[in-house]
N, C-alpha and C. Protein backbone atom coordinates (compact mmCIF):
# COMPACT_ATOMS: atom_id res chain seq x y z
N MET A 1 92.67 91.11 101.18
CA MET A 1 91.50 91.40 101.97
C MET A 1 91.94 92.15 103.23
N TYR A 2 91.27 93.20 103.54
CA TYR A 2 91.57 94.01 104.71
C TYR A 2 90.34 94.08 105.61
N ARG A 3 90.57 94.19 106.94
CA ARG A 3 89.49 94.26 107.91
C ARG A 3 89.64 95.54 108.71
N CYS A 4 88.55 96.22 108.95
CA CYS A 4 88.55 97.45 109.75
C CYS A 4 88.89 97.08 111.19
N ALA A 5 89.83 97.82 111.80
CA ALA A 5 90.25 97.52 113.17
C ALA A 5 89.18 97.92 114.20
N LYS A 6 88.29 98.80 113.85
CA LYS A 6 87.29 99.29 114.80
C LYS A 6 86.02 98.43 114.80
N CYS A 7 85.45 98.19 113.61
CA CYS A 7 84.17 97.48 113.56
C CYS A 7 84.28 96.06 113.00
N GLY A 8 85.41 95.71 112.37
CA GLY A 8 85.60 94.36 111.85
C GLY A 8 85.03 94.12 110.47
N GLU A 9 84.55 95.15 109.81
CA GLU A 9 83.99 95.04 108.45
C GLU A 9 85.10 94.71 107.46
N SER A 10 84.87 93.73 106.60
CA SER A 10 85.86 93.35 105.59
C SER A 10 85.76 94.27 104.39
N ASN A 11 86.92 94.70 103.89
CA ASN A 11 86.98 95.55 102.70
C ASN A 11 87.96 94.92 101.72
N ARG A 12 87.54 94.76 100.50
CA ARG A 12 88.38 94.11 99.50
C ARG A 12 89.21 95.15 98.74
N ALA A 13 88.62 96.24 98.32
CA ALA A 13 89.32 97.24 97.50
C ALA A 13 89.81 98.37 98.39
N ILE A 14 91.12 98.51 98.46
CA ILE A 14 91.74 99.58 99.25
C ILE A 14 92.59 100.42 98.30
N SER A 15 92.38 101.72 98.31
CA SER A 15 93.20 102.61 97.50
C SER A 15 94.15 103.37 98.42
N ASN A 16 95.20 103.93 97.87
CA ASN A 16 96.19 104.65 98.67
C ASN A 16 95.68 106.00 99.15
N ILE A 17 94.72 106.56 98.47
CA ILE A 17 94.19 107.88 98.81
C ILE A 17 92.78 107.71 99.38
N GLY A 18 92.53 108.26 100.55
CA GLY A 18 91.20 108.26 101.11
C GLY A 18 90.77 106.94 101.71
N LEU A 19 91.64 106.26 102.44
CA LEU A 19 91.27 105.02 103.12
C LEU A 19 90.23 105.33 104.19
N GLN A 20 89.09 104.68 104.10
CA GLN A 20 88.06 104.90 105.10
C GLN A 20 87.05 103.76 105.04
N CYS A 21 86.66 103.26 106.19
CA CYS A 21 85.69 102.18 106.27
C CYS A 21 84.31 102.71 105.86
N ASP A 22 83.61 101.94 105.03
CA ASP A 22 82.27 102.36 104.59
C ASP A 22 81.24 102.29 105.72
N LYS A 23 81.45 101.41 106.69
CA LYS A 23 80.48 101.20 107.76
C LYS A 23 80.63 102.21 108.90
N CYS A 24 81.88 102.38 109.42
CA CYS A 24 82.05 103.22 110.61
C CYS A 24 82.89 104.48 110.38
N GLY A 25 83.58 104.57 109.23
CA GLY A 25 84.37 105.76 108.94
C GLY A 25 85.79 105.73 109.49
N SER A 26 86.20 104.63 110.11
CA SER A 26 87.55 104.50 110.66
C SER A 26 88.57 104.43 109.53
N ARG A 27 89.80 104.82 109.82
CA ARG A 27 90.86 104.80 108.82
C ARG A 27 91.98 103.82 109.18
N ILE A 28 91.71 102.89 110.10
CA ILE A 28 92.70 101.91 110.51
C ILE A 28 92.27 100.55 109.99
N PHE A 29 93.14 99.91 109.21
CA PHE A 29 92.84 98.61 108.62
C PHE A 29 93.91 97.60 108.98
N VAL A 30 93.51 96.34 109.06
CA VAL A 30 94.40 95.23 109.36
C VAL A 30 94.32 94.26 108.20
N LYS A 31 95.48 93.82 107.70
CA LYS A 31 95.49 92.85 106.61
C LYS A 31 95.16 91.48 107.18
N GLU A 32 94.16 90.83 106.59
CA GLU A 32 93.78 89.50 107.04
C GLU A 32 94.75 88.48 106.46
N ARG A 33 95.27 87.64 107.32
CA ARG A 33 96.21 86.60 106.91
C ARG A 33 95.62 85.24 107.24
N PRO A 34 95.87 84.26 106.36
CA PRO A 34 95.34 82.92 106.63
C PRO A 34 96.01 82.30 107.85
N ASN A 35 95.27 81.50 108.57
CA ASN A 35 95.77 80.85 109.77
C ASN A 35 96.42 79.52 109.37
N ILE A 36 97.65 79.61 108.81
CA ILE A 36 98.36 78.44 108.32
C ILE A 36 99.61 78.23 109.16
N ARG A 37 99.82 77.00 109.56
CA ARG A 37 100.99 76.66 110.34
C ARG A 37 102.10 76.19 109.41
N LYS A 38 103.26 76.82 109.50
CA LYS A 38 104.38 76.46 108.66
C LYS A 38 105.34 75.57 109.44
N VAL A 39 105.80 74.50 108.81
CA VAL A 39 106.74 73.59 109.44
C VAL A 39 108.04 73.64 108.64
N LEU A 40 109.13 73.91 109.36
CA LEU A 40 110.44 73.98 108.74
C LEU A 40 111.23 72.73 109.09
N LYS A 41 111.93 72.22 108.12
CA LYS A 41 112.74 71.02 108.31
C LYS A 41 114.16 71.43 108.64
N SER A 42 114.69 70.95 109.78
CA SER A 42 116.07 71.28 110.16
C SER A 42 117.00 70.16 109.70
N ASP A 43 118.25 70.51 109.51
CA ASP A 43 119.24 69.52 109.05
C ASP A 43 119.81 68.73 110.17
């Protein structure tokens, strides 16, 4: 899932050619990552 950096519209299908937001026309996208906290165990 990718989010437009300008308007925040979510886009699911991204192709390598012709990246463009359907809502605002921006070509900058941010990959949405889950907000998960990772805990590492030390020895």
